N, C-alpha and C. Protein backbone atom coordinates (compact mmCIF):
# COMPACT_ATOMS: atom_id res chain seq x y z
N MET A 1 2.50 -14.56 4.75
CA MET A 1 3.71 -14.24 4.94
C MET A 1 3.65 -12.70 5.95
N THR A 2 4.73 -12.56 6.71
CA THR A 2 4.00 -11.22 7.62
C THR A 2 5.28 -10.23 6.93
N ILE A 3 4.77 -8.94 7.40
CA ILE A 3 5.87 -8.19 6.90
C ILE A 3 7.44 -8.41 7.41
N GLN A 4 7.36 -8.50 8.83
CA GLN A 4 8.66 -9.21 9.11
C GLN A 4 9.21 -10.33 7.95
N GLU A 5 8.40 -11.00 7.25
CA GLU A 5 9.19 -12.57 6.74
C GLU A 5 9.62 -11.76 5.18
N LYS A 6 8.57 -10.66 4.75
CA LYS A 6 8.77 -9.97 4.06
C LYS A 6 9.49 -9.39 3.77
N LEU A 7 10.13 -8.27 4.49
CA LEU A 7 11.53 -7.59 4.80
C LEU A 7 12.77 -8.71 4.99
N GLN A 8 13.34 -9.86 5.72
CA GLN A 8 13.89 -11.09 6.02
C GLN A 8 13.81 -11.28 4.26
N LEU A 9 12.73 -11.58 3.65
CA LEU A 9 13.34 -12.49 1.79
C LEU A 9 14.05 -10.73 1.41
N ILE A 10 13.58 -10.08 1.42
CA ILE A 10 14.05 -9.11 0.41
C ILE A 10 15.53 -8.73 0.64
N GLU A 11 16.31 -8.51 2.02
CA GLU A 11 17.61 -8.93 2.70
C GLU A 11 18.33 -9.85 2.57
N LYS A 12 16.90 -10.52 2.19
CA LYS A 12 18.42 -11.81 2.01
C LYS A 12 18.73 -11.68 0.10
N VAL A 13 17.44 -11.21 -0.63
CA VAL A 13 18.24 -11.41 -2.16
C VAL A 13 19.06 -10.47 -1.92
N LEU A 14 19.20 -8.96 -1.66
CA LEU A 14 19.35 -7.39 -1.47
C LEU A 14 20.21 -8.24 -1.37
N CYS A 15 21.46 -9.47 -0.20
CA CYS A 15 22.83 -9.73 0.94
C CYS A 15 23.10 -8.31 1.20
N THR A 16 21.28 -8.01 2.44
CA THR A 16 22.08 -6.70 3.73
C THR A 16 21.76 -7.12 4.72
N LYS A 17 22.13 -7.01 5.48
CA LYS A 17 22.71 -7.24 7.22
C LYS A 17 20.95 -7.59 7.54
N PRO A 18 20.58 -8.21 8.34
CA PRO A 18 19.54 -8.39 9.01
C PRO A 18 18.84 -7.63 9.48
N ASN A 19 17.47 -6.64 9.71
CA ASN A 19 17.04 -5.66 10.21
C ASN A 19 17.61 -4.50 9.87
N THR A 20 17.85 -4.41 8.37
CA THR A 20 18.77 -2.93 7.95
C THR A 20 17.73 -2.38 7.25
N LEU A 21 16.68 -2.88 6.76
CA LEU A 21 15.71 -2.47 5.57
C LEU A 21 14.33 -2.29 6.76
N THR A 22 13.65 -1.24 6.25
CA THR A 22 12.33 -0.80 6.50
C THR A 22 11.07 -0.23 5.39
N GLU A 23 10.13 -0.60 5.67
CA GLU A 23 8.82 -0.20 4.83
C GLU A 23 9.35 1.51 4.02
N GLU A 24 10.17 1.85 4.50
CA GLU A 24 10.78 3.65 4.02
C GLU A 24 11.66 3.69 2.83
N THR A 25 12.34 2.89 3.56
CA THR A 25 13.79 2.13 2.44
C THR A 25 13.81 2.76 1.42
N ARG A 26 14.64 3.63 0.33
CA ARG A 26 14.15 4.49 -0.89
C ARG A 26 14.74 3.00 -1.55
N LEU A 27 14.49 2.30 -2.51
CA LEU A 27 15.23 1.48 -3.30
C LEU A 27 16.90 2.48 -4.16
N ASP A 28 16.67 3.39 -4.38
CA ASP A 28 17.34 3.69 -5.42
C ASP A 28 18.45 4.53 -4.33
N SER A 29 18.39 4.14 -2.81
CA SER A 29 18.83 4.57 -2.44
C SER A 29 20.47 3.65 -2.01
N LEU A 30 20.19 1.95 -2.22
CA LEU A 30 20.20 0.86 -1.80
C LEU A 30 21.45 0.63 -3.35
N PRO A 31 22.72 0.88 -2.72
CA PRO A 31 23.87 0.55 -4.25
C PRO A 31 23.54 -1.47 -4.81
N MET A 32 23.05 -2.18 -4.30
CA MET A 32 22.35 -3.53 -5.26
C MET A 32 21.39 -3.59 -5.63
N TRP A 33 20.75 -2.23 -5.50
CA TRP A 33 19.14 -2.17 -6.25
C TRP A 33 19.65 -2.25 -8.07
N ASP A 34 19.01 -3.55 -8.85
CA ASP A 34 19.62 -3.41 -10.31
C ASP A 34 18.86 -4.85 -10.71
N SER A 35 18.75 -3.97 -12.03
CA SER A 35 17.90 -5.18 -12.81
C SER A 35 18.07 -6.84 -11.99
N LEU A 36 19.50 -7.14 -12.09
CA LEU A 36 19.93 -7.97 -11.45
C LEU A 36 18.78 -8.32 -10.42
N THR A 37 19.07 -7.67 -10.00
CA THR A 37 17.70 -8.38 -7.88
C THR A 37 16.72 -8.23 -8.23
N MET A 38 16.33 -6.86 -9.58
CA MET A 38 14.30 -7.52 -9.44
C MET A 38 14.37 -8.79 -9.96
N LEU A 39 15.19 -8.94 -10.88
CA LEU A 39 14.83 -10.46 -11.97
C LEU A 39 15.07 -11.67 -10.30
N SER A 40 15.56 -11.46 -9.22
CA SER A 40 15.93 -12.57 -8.92
C SER A 40 14.94 -12.08 -7.74
N LEU A 41 14.34 -11.22 -7.06
CA LEU A 41 12.87 -10.61 -6.68
C LEU A 41 11.60 -11.44 -7.46
N GLN A 42 11.57 -11.11 -8.47
CA GLN A 42 10.56 -11.41 -9.51
C GLN A 42 10.36 -13.08 -9.03
N ILE A 43 11.73 -13.79 -9.02
CA ILE A 43 11.44 -15.34 -9.04
C ILE A 43 10.85 -15.79 -7.18
N GLU A 44 11.83 -14.95 -6.33
CA GLU A 44 11.02 -15.12 -5.02
C GLU A 44 9.49 -14.92 -4.73
N PHE A 45 9.12 -13.80 -5.18
CA PHE A 45 7.87 -13.16 -4.74
C PHE A 45 6.91 -14.69 -6.12
N SER A 46 7.31 -14.86 -7.24
CA SER A 46 6.34 -15.42 -7.49
C SER A 46 6.24 -16.44 -7.07
N GLN A 47 6.52 -17.68 -5.97
CA GLN A 47 6.22 -18.53 -5.22
C GLN A 47 4.17 -17.40 -4.47
N ALA A 48 4.77 -16.90 -4.10
CA ALA A 48 3.57 -16.47 -3.59
C ALA A 48 2.70 -15.45 -4.24
N ASN A 49 3.21 -14.51 -5.51
CA ASN A 49 1.80 -13.89 -6.40
C ASN A 49 2.66 -14.16 -7.35
N PRO A 50 1.95 -15.15 -8.14
CA PRO A 50 2.77 -15.69 -9.77
C PRO A 50 2.55 -14.73 -10.63
N ASP A 51 1.45 -13.32 -10.74
CA ASP A 51 0.96 -12.49 -11.79
C ASP A 51 2.28 -11.10 -11.61
N VAL A 52 3.73 -11.36 -10.86
CA VAL A 52 4.13 -10.14 -9.94
C VAL A 52 5.19 -10.31 -11.73
N GLN A 53 5.77 -8.88 -12.30
CA GLN A 53 6.04 -8.45 -13.13
C GLN A 53 7.05 -7.79 -13.15
N PHE A 54 7.90 -8.36 -13.96
CA PHE A 54 9.22 -7.57 -13.84
C PHE A 54 9.01 -6.14 -14.26
N ASP A 55 7.91 -5.84 -14.72
CA ASP A 55 7.51 -4.08 -14.54
C ASP A 55 7.30 -4.17 -13.87
N HIS A 56 6.64 -4.69 -12.25
CA HIS A 56 5.83 -4.42 -11.49
C HIS A 56 6.82 -4.30 -10.35
N LEU A 57 8.37 -4.47 -10.62
CA LEU A 57 9.02 -4.77 -9.31
C LEU A 57 9.71 -2.60 -10.28
N TYR A 58 9.63 -2.71 -11.17
CA TYR A 58 10.63 -1.72 -11.83
C TYR A 58 10.18 -0.65 -11.60
N MET A 59 8.05 -0.10 -11.18
CA MET A 59 7.81 0.85 -10.71
C MET A 59 7.61 0.82 -9.06
N CYS A 60 8.20 -0.66 -8.26
CA CYS A 60 8.62 0.37 -7.11
C CYS A 60 9.25 1.39 -6.59
N ASN A 61 9.37 1.75 -5.56
CA ASN A 61 10.31 3.28 -5.09
C ASN A 61 10.63 2.90 -3.63
N THR A 62 9.99 2.00 -2.64
CA THR A 62 10.70 1.69 -1.42
C THR A 62 10.40 0.59 -1.24
N VAL A 63 10.75 -0.18 -0.10
CA VAL A 63 10.57 -1.53 0.00
C VAL A 63 9.75 -1.93 0.32
N GLY A 64 8.52 -1.07 1.03
CA GLY A 64 6.87 -1.22 1.23
C GLY A 64 6.23 -1.27 0.15
N ASP A 65 6.69 -0.48 -0.77
CA ASP A 65 6.02 -1.48 -2.25
C ASP A 65 6.56 -2.69 -2.89
N LEU A 66 7.58 -3.10 -2.52
CA LEU A 66 7.99 -4.15 -2.89
C LEU A 66 7.13 -5.38 -2.07
N CYS A 67 7.07 -4.79 -0.72
CA CYS A 67 6.38 -6.09 0.12
C CYS A 67 4.87 -6.05 0.07
N LYS A 68 3.98 -5.30 -0.52
CA LYS A 68 2.39 -5.07 -1.29
C LYS A 68 2.95 -6.26 -2.19
N LEU A 69 4.07 -6.62 -3.35
CA LEU A 69 4.27 -7.14 -4.23
C LEU A 69 3.88 -8.98 -4.06
N ALA A 70 4.61 -8.59 -2.55
CA ALA A 70 5.08 -10.12 -2.18
C ALA A 70 3.88 -10.94 -2.05
N GLY A 71 2.78 -10.79 -2.26
CA GLY A 71 1.53 -11.54 -1.63
C GLY A 71 1.36 -11.57 -0.19
N ALA A 72 0.56 -12.38 0.12
CA ALA A 72 0.00 -12.77 0.96
C ALA A 72 0.75 -13.36 2.02
C-alpha cells in the first residue's frame, strides 16, 4: 500500500475531503478524532497488519504515525 493509498484510507475513515490530510497533520487538530474513529481504523488496518492494537493507535500523534501502522 502506497502512502497515498494510506492517506486516502484514513481520509475515508475520518470522513474528510480528499487530499486534505498530510503525514504532518496532527490528530489532535481533527475534530473527528475519537475512540470510535480509532476503532474504525483498527478494523481497516487489521487487514494489512493484523497486529495493530487499539493502544498503538492511541499513541499516535500524527497522520504519519497512523500510516506507519497501516502496514506495507
